[in-house]
Amino acid sequence: VLLELITGLEACTCSGERQVLLTSRVKTQDKFDVEKVVKIVDKRVLHGGVKDEELKAIASIAENCLRHLPSLRPSASEICRIMREEIPCVSSILVPSEKL
């Protein structure tokens, strides 16, 4: 979902009779490529004042969420913690649960 949010693209699109996964568009030799994500970011995200470093941090989180083994994926609370700590553009809207 994070990739869809920052790129504005659907997870799966049809190209003729072929389906193209968003994850395949951001990989280089079967490895997740954060730089490719930054290149296809939705321009509306950039107009919101999101910096390249923040985009790279979000893309890195997305990479972790897409790990093959579920046990290696971060939990929702870990994702929120990382976003609060490393991504200033979203830290103000992610209030720690103990403050609610």
PDB file of N, CA and C in Angstrom:
ATOM      1  N   VAL A   1       0.826  -1.186   0.000  1.00  0.00           N
ATOM      2  CA  VAL A   1       0.000   0.000   0.000  1.00  0.00           C
ATOM      3  C   VAL A   1       0.878   1.260   0.000  1.00  0.00           C
ATOM      4  N   LEU A   2       1.999   1.233   0.693  1.00  0.00           N
ATOM      5  CA  LEU A   2       2.871   2.410   0.709  1.00  0.00           C
ATOM      6  C   LEU A   2       3.357   2.766  -0.696  1.00  0.00           C
ATOM      7  N   LEU A   3       3.716   1.761  -1.477  1.00  0.00           N
ATOM      8  CA  LEU A   3       4.148   2.036  -2.852  1.00  0.00           C
ATOM      9  C   LEU A   3       3.038   2.684  -3.661  1.00  0.00           C
ATOM     10  N   GLU A   4       1.828   2.189  -3.483  1.00  0.00           N
ATOM     11  CA  GLU A   4       0.687   2.758  -4.199  1.00  0.00           C
ATOM     12  C   GLU A   4       0.449   4.208  -3.774  1.00  0.00           C
ATOM     13  N   LEU A   5       0.591   4.484  -2.496  1.00  0.00           N
ATOM     14  CA  LEU A   5       0.360   5.835  -1.994  1.00  0.00           C
ATOM     15  C   LEU A   5       1.351   6.845  -2.549  1.00  0.00           C
ATOM     16  N   ILE A   6       2.627   6.490  -2.580  1.00  0.00           N
ATOM     17  CA  ILE A   6       3.613   7.483  -3.020  1.00  0.00           C
ATOM     18  C   ILE A   6       3.803   7.534  -4.527  1.00  0.00           C
ATOM     19  N   THR A   7       3.395   6.473  -5.245  1.00  0.00           N
ATOM     20  CA  THR A   7       3.529   6.504  -6.706  1.00  0.00           C
ATOM     21  C   THR A   7       2.232   6.887  -7.402  1.00  0.00           C
ATOM     22  N   GLY A   8       1.109   6.692  -6.726  1.00  0.00           N
ATOM     23  CA  GLY A   8      -0.181   6.947  -7.353  1.00  0.00           C
ATOM     24  C   GLY A   8      -0.555   5.882  -8.366  1.00  0.00           C
ATOM     25  N   LEU A   9       0.180   4.765  -8.348  1.00  0.00           N
ATOM     26  CA  LEU A   9      -0.066   3.680  -9.293  1.00  0.00           C
ATOM     27  C   LEU A   9      -0.770   2.513  -8.606  1.00  0.00           C
ATOM     28  N   GLU A  10      -1.510   1.749  -9.404  1.00  0.00           N
ATOM     29  CA  GLU A  10      -2.170   0.574  -8.861  1.00  0.00           C
ATOM     30  C   GLU A  10      -1.160  -0.553  -8.682  1.00  0.00           C
ATOM     31  N   ALA A  11      -1.442  -1.464  -7.755  1.00  0.00           N
ATOM     32  CA  ALA A  11      -0.542  -2.578  -7.482  1.00  0.00           C
ATOM     33  C   ALA A  11      -0.380  -3.489  -8.691  1.00  0.00           C
ATOM     34  N   CYS A  12      -1.421  -3.592  -9.495  1.00  0.00           N
ATOM     35  CA  CYS A  12      -1.388  -4.465 -10.671  1.00  0.00           C
ATOM     36  C   CYS A  12      -2.140  -3.772 -11.807  1.00  0.00           C
ATOM     37  N   THR A  13      -1.491  -3.665 -12.959  1.00  0.00           N
ATOM     38  CA  THR A  13      -2.138  -3.064 -14.122  1.00  0.00           C
ATOM     39  C   THR A  13      -2.069  -4.038 -15.295  1.00  0.00           C
ATOM     40  N   CYS A  14      -2.973  -3.867 -16.223  1.00  0.00           N
ATOM     41  CA  CYS A  14      -2.988  -4.710 -17.417  1.00  0.00           C
ATOM     42  C   CYS A  14      -2.355  -3.955 -18.572  1.00  0.00           C
ATOM     43  N   SER A  15      -1.493  -4.646 -19.278  1.00  0.00           N
ATOM     44  CA  SER A  15      -0.861  -4.101 -20.471  1.00  0.00           C
ATOM     45  C   SER A  15      -1.135  -5.105 -21.584  1.00  0.00           C
ATOM     46  N   GLY A  16      -2.216  -4.867 -22.310  1.00  0.00           N
ATOM     47  CA  GLY A  16      -2.663  -5.848 -23.297  1.00  0.00           C
ATOM     48  C   GLY A  16      -3.185  -7.068 -22.564  1.00  0.00           C
ATOM     49  N   GLU A  17      -2.618  -8.201 -22.838  1.00  0.00           N
ATOM     50  CA  GLU A  17      -3.009  -9.435 -22.149  1.00  0.00           C
ATOM     51  C   GLU A  17      -2.121  -9.732 -20.962  1.00  0.00           C
ATOM     52  N   ARG A  18      -1.158  -8.882 -20.722  1.00  0.00           N
ATOM     53  CA  ARG A  18      -0.169  -9.104 -19.673  1.00  0.00           C
ATOM     54  C   ARG A  18      -0.468  -8.252 -18.439  1.00  0.00           C
ATOM     55  N   GLN A  19      -0.297  -8.834 -17.263  1.00  0.00           N
ATOM     56  CA  GLN A  19      -0.444  -8.071 -16.018  1.00  0.00           C
ATOM     57  C   GLN A  19       0.939  -7.628 -15.550  1.00  0.00           C
ATOM     58  N   VAL A  20       1.024  -6.372 -15.134  1.00  0.00           N
ATOM     59  CA  VAL A  20       2.294  -5.833 -14.663  1.00  0.00           C
ATOM     60  C   VAL A  20       2.128  -5.436 -13.198  1.00  0.00           C
ATOM     61  N   LEU A  21       2.971  -6.003 -12.343  1.00  0.00           N
ATOM     62  CA  LEU A  21       2.930  -5.676 -10.920  1.00  0.00           C
ATOM     63  C   LEU A  21       3.775  -4.441 -10.653  1.00  0.00           C
ATOM     64  N   LEU A  22       3.288  -3.585  -9.788  1.00  0.00           N
ATOM     65  CA  LEU A  22       4.035  -2.391  -9.400  1.00  0.00           C
ATOM     66  C   LEU A  22       5.394  -2.777  -8.828  1.00  0.00           C
ATOM     67  N   THR A  23       5.425  -3.848  -8.048  1.00  0.00           N
ATOM     68  CA  THR A  23       6.693  -4.276  -7.452  1.00  0.00           C
ATOM     69  C   THR A  23       7.729  -4.629  -8.522  1.00  0.00           C
ATOM     70  N   SER A  24       7.288  -5.122  -9.676  1.00  0.00           N
ATOM     71  CA  SER A  24       8.250  -5.451 -10.735  1.00  0.00           C
ATOM     72  C   SER A  24       8.838  -4.188 -11.362  1.00  0.00           C
ATOM     73  N   ARG A  25       8.119  -3.084 -11.280  1.00  0.00           N
ATOM     74  CA  ARG A  25       8.606  -1.820 -11.841  1.00  0.00           C
ATOM     75  C   ARG A  25       9.672  -1.171 -10.972  1.00  0.00           C
ATOM     76  N   VAL A  26       9.778  -1.599  -9.728  1.00  0.00           N
ATOM     77  CA  VAL A  26      10.740  -0.968  -8.812  1.00  0.00           C
ATOM     78  C   VAL A  26      11.862  -1.924  -8.415  1.00  0.00           C
ATOM     79  N   LYS A  27      12.068  -2.930  -9.235  1.00  0.00           N
ATOM     80  CA  LYS A  27      13.134  -3.880  -8.960  1.00  0.00           C
ATOM     81  C   LYS A  27      14.194  -3.823 -10.051  1.00  0.00           C
ATOM     82  N   THR A  28      15.427  -4.081  -9.648  1.00  0.00           N
ATOM     83  CA  THR A  28      16.543  -4.227 -10.559  1.00  0.00           C
ATOM     84  C   THR A  28      17.164  -5.580 -10.244  1.00  0.00           C
ATOM     85  N   GLN A  29      17.148  -6.461 -11.200  1.00  0.00           N
ATOM     86  CA  GLN A  29      17.689  -7.807 -11.022  1.00  0.00           C
ATOM     87  C   GLN A  29      17.128  -8.474  -9.767  1.00  0.00           C
ATOM     88  N   ASP A  30      15.807  -8.436  -9.646  1.00  0.00           N
ATOM     89  CA  ASP A  30      15.074  -9.049  -8.536  1.00  0.00           C
ATOM     90  C   ASP A  30      15.354  -8.430  -7.169  1.00  0.00           C
ATOM     91  N   LYS A  31      15.993  -7.273  -7.124  1.00  0.00           N
ATOM     92  CA  LYS A  31      16.211  -6.558  -5.866  1.00  0.00           C
ATOM     93  C   LYS A  31      15.425  -5.264  -5.902  1.00  0.00           C
ATOM     94  N   PHE A  32      14.796  -4.934  -4.785  1.00  0.00           N
ATOM     95  CA  PHE A  32      14.047  -3.694  -4.633  1.00  0.00           C
ATOM     96  C   PHE A  32      15.012  -2.527  -4.837  1.00  0.00           C
ATOM     97  N   ASP A  33      14.644  -1.560  -5.655  1.00  0.00           N
ATOM     98  CA  ASP A  33      15.508  -0.427  -5.968  1.00  0.00           C
ATOM     99  C   ASP A  33      14.834   0.874  -5.524  1.00  0.00           C
ATOM    100  N   VAL A  34      15.276   1.401  -4.400  1.00  0.00           N
ATOM    101  CA  VAL A  34      14.688   2.617  -3.827  1.00  0.00           C
ATOM    102  C   VAL A  34      14.778   3.779  -4.811  1.00  0.00           C
ATOM    103  N   GLU A  35      15.857   3.858  -5.561  1.00  0.00           N
ATOM    104  CA  GLU A  35      16.021   4.947  -6.527  1.00  0.00           C
ATOM    105  C   GLU A  35      14.952   4.882  -7.620  1.00  0.00           C
ATOM    106  N   LYS A  36      14.562   3.682  -8.034  1.00  0.00           N
ATOM    107  CA  LYS A  36      13.496   3.548  -9.034  1.00  0.00           C
ATOM    108  C   LYS A  36      12.174   4.046  -8.470  1.00  0.00           C
ATOM    109  N   VAL A  37      11.945   3.800  -7.196  1.00  0.00           N
ATOM    110  CA  VAL A  37      10.711   4.282  -6.559  1.00  0.00           C
ATOM    111  C   VAL A  37      10.687   5.803  -6.595  1.00  0.00           C
ATOM    112  N   VAL A  38      11.789   6.414  -6.229  1.00  0.00           N
ATOM    113  CA  VAL A  38      11.864   7.878  -6.206  1.00  0.00           C
ATOM    114  C   VAL A  38      11.592   8.453  -7.601  1.00  0.00           C
ATOM    115  N   LYS A  39      12.014   7.764  -8.645  1.00  0.00           N
ATOM    116  CA  LYS A  39      11.819   8.250 -10.016  1.00  0.00           C
ATOM    117  C   LYS A  39      10.364   8.185 -10.465  1.00  0.00           C
ATOM    118  N   ILE A  40       9.551   7.286  -9.885  1.00  0.00           N
ATOM    119  CA  ILE A  40       8.154   7.178 -10.324  1.00  0.00           C
ATOM    120  C   ILE A  40       7.163   7.721  -9.301  1.00  0.00           C
ATOM    121  N   VAL A  41       7.655   8.512  -8.371  1.00  0.00           N
ATOM    122  CA  VAL A  41       6.782   9.104  -7.357  1.00  0.00           C
ATOM    123  C   VAL A  41       5.764  10.033  -8.013  1.00  0.00           C
ATOM    124  N   ASP A  42       4.552   9.979  -7.522  1.00  0.00           N
ATOM    125  CA  ASP A  42       3.466  10.842  -7.998  1.00  0.00           C
ATOM    126  C   ASP A  42       3.864  12.300  -7.744  1.00  0.00           C
ATOM    127  N   LYS A  43       3.773  13.104  -8.771  1.00  0.00           N
ATOM    128  CA  LYS A  43       4.171  14.526  -8.668  1.00  0.00           C
ATOM    129  C   LYS A  43       3.368  15.273  -7.609  1.00  0.00           C
ATOM    130  N   ARG A  44       2.154  14.815  -7.318  1.00  0.00           N
ATOM    131  CA  ARG A  44       1.354  15.476  -6.275  1.00  0.00           C
ATOM    132  C   ARG A  44       1.997  15.308  -4.904  1.00  0.00           C
ATOM    133  N   VAL A  45       2.712  14.205  -4.700  1.00  0.00           N
ATOM    134  CA  VAL A  45       3.427  13.993  -3.437  1.00  0.00           C
ATOM    135  C   VAL A  45       4.544  15.015  -3.320  1.00  0.00           C
ATOM    136  N   LEU A  46       5.235  15.257  -4.415  1.00  0.00           N
ATOM    137  CA  LEU A  46       6.335  16.222  -4.409  1.00  0.00           C
ATOM    138  C   LEU A  46       5.837  17.631  -4.154  1.00  0.00           C
ATOM    139  N   HIS A  47       4.658  17.971  -4.681  1.00  0.00           N
ATOM    140  CA  HIS A  47       4.085  19.299  -4.447  1.00  0.00           C
ATOM    141  C   HIS A  47       3.677  19.478  -2.987  1.00  0.00           C
ATOM    142  N   GLY A  48       3.518  18.371  -2.278  1.00  0.00           N
ATOM    143  CA  GLY A  48       3.183  18.421  -0.855  1.00  0.00           C
ATOM    144  C   GLY A  48       4.390  18.725   0.015  1.00  0.00           C
ATOM    145  N   GLY A  49       5.550  18.877  -0.605  1.00  0.00           N
ATOM    146  CA  GLY A  49       6.742  19.236   0.146  1.00  0.00           C
ATOM    147  C   GLY A  49       7.522  18.056   0.702  1.00  0.00           C
ATOM    148  N   VAL A  50       7.261  16.863   0.211  1.00  0.00           N
ATOM    149  CA  VAL A  50       7.986  15.682   0.681  1.00  0.00           C
ATOM    150  C   VAL A  50       9.377  15.692   0.049  1.00  0.00           C
ATOM    151  N   LYS A  51      10.394  15.523   0.876  1.00  0.00           N
ATOM    152  CA  LYS A  51      11.775  15.569   0.407  1.00  0.00           C
ATOM    153  C   LYS A  51      12.238  14.190  -0.057  1.00  0.00           C
ATOM    154  N   ASP A  52      13.300  14.164  -0.869  1.00  0.00           N
ATOM    155  CA  ASP A  52      13.851  12.903  -1.377  1.00  0.00           C
ATOM    156  C   ASP A  52      14.221  11.943  -0.254  1.00  0.00           C
ATOM    157  N   GLU A  53      14.794  12.475   0.827  1.00  0.00           N
ATOM    158  CA  GLU A  53      15.196  11.613   1.942  1.00  0.00           C
ATOM    159  C   GLU A  53      13.974  10.938   2.571  1.00  0.00           C
ATOM    160  N   GLU A  54      12.873  11.682   2.653  1.00  0.00           N
ATOM    161  CA  GLU A  54      11.638  11.134   3.210  1.00  0.00           C
ATOM    162  C   GLU A  54      11.053  10.069   2.279  1.00  0.00           C
ATOM    163  N   LEU A  55      11.108  10.330   0.966  1.00  0.00           N
ATOM    164  CA  LEU A  55      10.623   9.353  -0.007  1.00  0.00           C
ATOM    165  C   LEU A  55      11.436   8.069   0.070  1.00  0.00           C
ATOM    166  N   LYS A  56      12.744   8.210   0.213  1.00  0.00           N
ATOM    167  CA  LYS A  56      13.608   7.033   0.321  1.00  0.00           C
ATOM    168  C   LYS A  56      13.296   6.245   1.586  1.00  0.00           C
ATOM    169  N   ALA A  57      12.999   6.955   2.671  1.00  0.00           N
ATOM    170  CA  ALA A  57      12.649   6.273   3.922  1.00  0.00           C
ATOM    171  C   ALA A  57      11.326   5.521   3.771  1.00  0.00           C
ATOM    172  N   ILE A  58      10.351   6.137   3.113  1.00  0.00           N
ATOM    173  CA  ILE A  58       9.063   5.477   2.887  1.00  0.00           C
ATOM    174  C   ILE A  58       9.255   4.271   1.966  1.00  0.00           C
ATOM    175  N   ALA A  59      10.060   4.430   0.920  1.00  0.00           N
ATOM    176  CA  ALA A  59      10.328   3.322   0.002  1.00  0.00           C
ATOM    177  C   ALA A  59      11.035   2.177   0.719  1.00  0.00           C
ATOM    178  N   SER A  60      11.908   2.517   1.632  1.00  0.00           N
ATOM    179  CA  SER A  60      12.606   1.488   2.413  1.00  0.00           C
ATOM    180  C   SER A  60      11.628   0.714   3.301  1.00  0.00           C
ATOM    181  N   ILE A  61      10.677   1.413   3.890  1.00  0.00           N
ATOM    182  CA  ILE A  61       9.639   0.751   4.687  1.00  0.00           C
ATOM    183  C   ILE A  61       8.826  -0.176   3.785  1.00  0.00           C
ATOM    184  N   ALA A  62       8.470   0.325   2.605  1.00  0.00           N
ATOM    185  CA  ALA A  62       7.698  -0.492   1.653  1.00  0.00           C
ATOM    186  C   ALA A  62       8.478  -1.751   1.283  1.00  0.00           C
ATOM    187  N   GLU A  63       9.770  -1.589   1.087  1.00  0.00           N
ATOM    188  CA  GLU A  63      10.611  -2.754   0.775  1.00  0.00           C
ATOM    189  C   GLU A  63      10.522  -3.799   1.885  1.00  0.00           C
ATOM    190  N   ASN A  64      10.598  -3.345   3.126  1.00  0.00           N
ATOM    191  CA  ASN A  64      10.506  -4.276   4.259  1.00  0.00           C
ATOM    192  C   ASN A  64       9.140  -4.944   4.328  1.00  0.00           C
ATOM    193  N   CYS A  65       8.098  -4.216   3.972  1.00  0.00           N
ATOM    194  CA  CYS A  65       6.740  -4.777   3.994  1.00  0.00           C
ATOM    195  C   CYS A  65       6.544  -5.841   2.921  1.00  0.00           C
ATOM    196  N   LEU A  66       7.369  -5.814   1.901  1.00  0.00           N
ATOM    197  CA  LEU A  66       7.239  -6.752   0.788  1.00  0.00           C
ATOM    198  C   LEU A  66       8.160  -7.965   0.902  1.00  0.00           C
ATOM    199  N   ARG A  67       8.799  -8.124   2.033  1.00  0.00           N
ATOM    200  CA  ARG A  67       9.682  -9.283   2.205  1.00  0.00           C
ATOM    201  C   ARG A  67       8.888 -10.574   2.044  1.00  0.00           C
ATOM    202  N   HIS A  68       9.550 -11.569   1.501  1.00  0.00           N
ATOM    203  CA  HIS A  68       8.879 -12.834   1.202  1.00  0.00           C
ATOM    204  C   HIS A  68       8.331 -13.508   2.462  1.00  0.00           C
ATOM    205  N   LEU A  69       9.128 -13.557   3.513  1.00  0.00           N
ATOM    206  CA  LEU A  69       8.684 -14.202   4.754  1.00  0.00           C
ATOM    207  C   LEU A  69       7.936 -13.205   5.635  1.00  0.00           C
ATOM    208  N   PRO A  70       6.699 -13.517   5.997  1.00  0.00           N
ATOM    209  CA  PRO A  70       5.925 -12.613   6.854  1.00  0.00           C
ATOM    210  C   PRO A  70       6.632 -12.271   8.163  1.00  0.00           C
ATOM    211  N   SER A  71       7.397 -13.201   8.702  1.00  0.00           N
ATOM    212  CA  SER A  71       8.087 -12.949   9.974  1.00  0.00           C
ATOM    213  C   SER A  71       9.145 -11.859   9.849  1.00  0.00           C
ATOM    214  N   LEU A  72       9.568 -11.553   8.624  1.00  0.00           N
ATOM    215  CA  LEU A  72      10.566 -10.502   8.408  1.00  0.00           C
ATOM    216  C   LEU A  72       9.948  -9.144   8.125  1.00  0.00           C
ATOM    217  N   ARG A  73       8.625  -9.108   7.964  1.00  0.00           N
ATOM    218  CA  ARG A  73       7.926  -7.848   7.684  1.00  0.00           C
ATOM    219  C   ARG A  73       7.678  -7.082   8.989  1.00  0.00           C
ATOM    220  N   PRO A  74       7.737  -5.753   8.946  1.00  0.00           N
ATOM    221  CA  PRO A  74       7.470  -4.973  10.165  1.00  0.00           C
ATOM    222  C   PRO A  74       5.981  -4.979  10.509  1.00  0.00           C
ATOM    223  N   SER A  75       5.698  -4.853  11.792  1.00  0.00           N
ATOM    224  CA  SER A  75       4.296  -4.745  12.223  1.00  0.00           C
ATOM    225  C   SER A  75       3.814  -3.322  11.954  1.00  0.00           C
ATOM    226  N   ALA A  76       2.510  -3.116  12.038  1.00  0.00           N
ATOM    227  CA  ALA A  76       1.947  -1.776  11.835  1.00  0.00           C
ATOM    228  C   ALA A  76       2.517  -0.792  12.852  1.00  0.00           C
ATOM    229  N   SER A  77       2.685  -1.222  14.093  1.00  0.00           N
ATOM    230  CA  SER A  77       3.238  -0.317  15.109  1.00  0.00           C
ATOM    231  C   SER A  77       4.699   0.016  14.814  1.00  0.00           C
ATOM    232  N   GLU A  78       5.460  -0.938  14.273  1.00  0.00           N
ATOM    233  CA  GLU A  78       6.845  -0.657  13.898  1.00  0.00           C
ATOM    234  C   GLU A  78       6.891   0.348  12.741  1.00  0.00           C
ATOM    235  N   ILE A  79       5.991   0.178  11.792  1.00  0.00           N
ATOM    236  CA  ILE A  79       5.933   1.107  10.660  1.00  0.00           C
ATOM    237  C   ILE A  79       5.632   2.515  11.155  1.00  0.00           C
ATOM    238  N   CYS A  80       4.661   2.648  12.038  1.00  0.00           N
ATOM    239  CA  CYS A  80       4.315   3.968  12.591  1.00  0.00           C
ATOM    240  C   CYS A  80       5.478   4.564  13.359  1.00  0.00           C
ATOM    241  N   ARG A  81       6.180   3.751  14.144  1.00  0.00           N
ATOM    242  CA  ARG A  81       7.333   4.241  14.909  1.00  0.00           C
ATOM    243  C   ARG A  81       8.422   4.753  13.971  1.00  0.00           C
ATOM    244  N   ILE A  82       8.734   3.980  12.944  1.00  0.00           N
ATOM    245  CA  ILE A  82       9.764   4.383  11.985  1.00  0.00           C
ATOM    246  C   ILE A  82       9.352   5.676  11.289  1.00  0.00           C
ATOM    247  N   MET A  83       8.098   5.759  10.902  1.00  0.00           N
ATOM    248  CA  MET A  83       7.634   6.971  10.211  1.00  0.00           C
ATOM    249  C   MET A  83       7.705   8.194  11.128  1.00  0.00           C
ATOM    250  N   ARG A  84       7.316   8.023  12.393  1.00  0.00           N
ATOM    251  CA  ARG A  84       7.398   9.148  13.342  1.00  0.00           C
ATOM    252  C   ARG A  84       8.834   9.610  13.516  1.00  0.00           C
ATOM    253  N   GLU A  85       9.767   8.666  13.589  1.00  0.00           N
ATOM    254  CA  GLU A  85      11.159   8.986  13.888  1.00  0.00           C
ATOM    255  C   GLU A  85      11.958   9.461  12.679  1.00  0.00           C
ATOM    256  N   GLU A  86      11.630   8.957  11.484  1.00  0.00           N
ATOM    257  CA  GLU A  86      12.494   9.204  10.336  1.00  0.00           C
ATOM    258  C   GLU A  86      11.874  10.040   9.215  1.00  0.00           C
ATOM    259  N   ILE A  87      10.565  10.297   9.311  1.00  0.00           N
ATOM    260  CA  ILE A  87       9.911  10.992   8.199  1.00  0.00           C
ATOM    261  C   ILE A  87       9.140  12.199   8.731  1.00  0.00           C
ATOM    262  N   PRO A  88       9.806  13.353   8.791  1.00  0.00           N
ATOM    263  CA  PRO A  88       9.180  14.550   9.353  1.00  0.00           C
ATOM    264  C   PRO A  88       7.839  14.929   8.734  1.00  0.00           C
ATOM    265  N   CYS A  89       7.660  14.690   7.430  1.00  0.00           N
ATOM    266  CA  CYS A  89       6.414  15.114   6.783  1.00  0.00           C
ATOM    267  C   CYS A  89       5.190  14.371   7.305  1.00  0.00           C
ATOM    268  N   VAL A  90       5.367  13.201   7.912  1.00  0.00           N
ATOM    269  CA  VAL A  90       4.225  12.461   8.455  1.00  0.00           C
ATOM    270  C   VAL A  90       4.251  12.350   9.975  1.00  0.00           C
ATOM    271  N   SER A  91       5.351  12.733  10.581  1.00  0.00           N
ATOM    272  CA  SER A  91       5.478  12.556  12.028  1.00  0.00           C
ATOM    273  C   SER A  91       4.422  13.331  12.810  1.00  0.00           C
ATOM    274  N   SER A  92       3.982  14.469  12.290  1.00  0.00           N
ATOM    275  CA  SER A  92       2.995  15.275  13.016  1.00  0.00           C
ATOM    276  C   SER A  92       1.596  14.661  13.000  1.00  0.00           C
ATOM    277  N   ILE A  93       1.318  13.770  12.038  1.00  0.00           N
ATOM    278  CA  ILE A  93      -0.017  13.163  11.989  1.00  0.00           C
ATOM    279  C   ILE A  93      -0.062  11.777  12.634  1.00  0.00           C
ATOM    280  N   LEU A  94       1.107  11.232  12.950  1.00  0.00           N
ATOM    281  CA  LEU A  94       1.159   9.926  13.602  1.00  0.00           C
ATOM    282  C   LEU A  94       1.415  10.108  15.077  1.00  0.00           C
ATOM    283  N   VAL A  95       0.361  10.120  15.846  1.00  0.00           N
ATOM    284  CA  VAL A  95       0.459  10.329  17.283  1.00  0.00           C
ATOM    285  C   VAL A  95       0.689   8.974  17.956  1.00  0.00           C
ATOM    286  N   PRO A  96       1.678   8.860  18.837  1.00  0.00           N
ATOM    287  CA  PRO A  96       1.889   7.587  19.546  1.00  0.00           C
ATOM    288  C   PRO A  96       0.614   7.164  20.274  1.00  0.00           C
ATOM    289  N   SER A  97       0.317   5.881  20.285  1.00  0.00           N
ATOM    290  CA  SER A  97      -0.926   5.372  20.863  1.00  0.00           C
ATOM    291  C   SER A  97      -1.066   5.702  22.353  1.00  0.00           C
ATOM    292  N   GLU A  98       0.044   5.829  23.064  1.00  0.00           N
ATOM    293  CA  GLU A  98      -0.062   6.149  24.488  1.00  0.00           C
ATOM    294  C   GLU A  98      -0.537   7.579  24.725  1.00  0.00           C
ATOM    295  N   LYS A  99      -0.511   8.434  23.704  1.00  0.00           N
ATOM    296  CA  LYS A  99      -0.991   9.812  23.850  1.00  0.00           C
ATOM    297  C   LYS A  99      -2.451   9.975  23.447  1.00  0.00           C
ATOM    298  N   LEU A 100      -3.061   8.897  22.947  1.00  0.00           N
ATOM    299  CA  LEU A 100      -4.468   8.981  22.532  1.00  0.00           C
ATOM    300  C   LEU A 100      -5.393   8.864  23.719  1.00  0.00           C
TER     301      LEU A 100
END
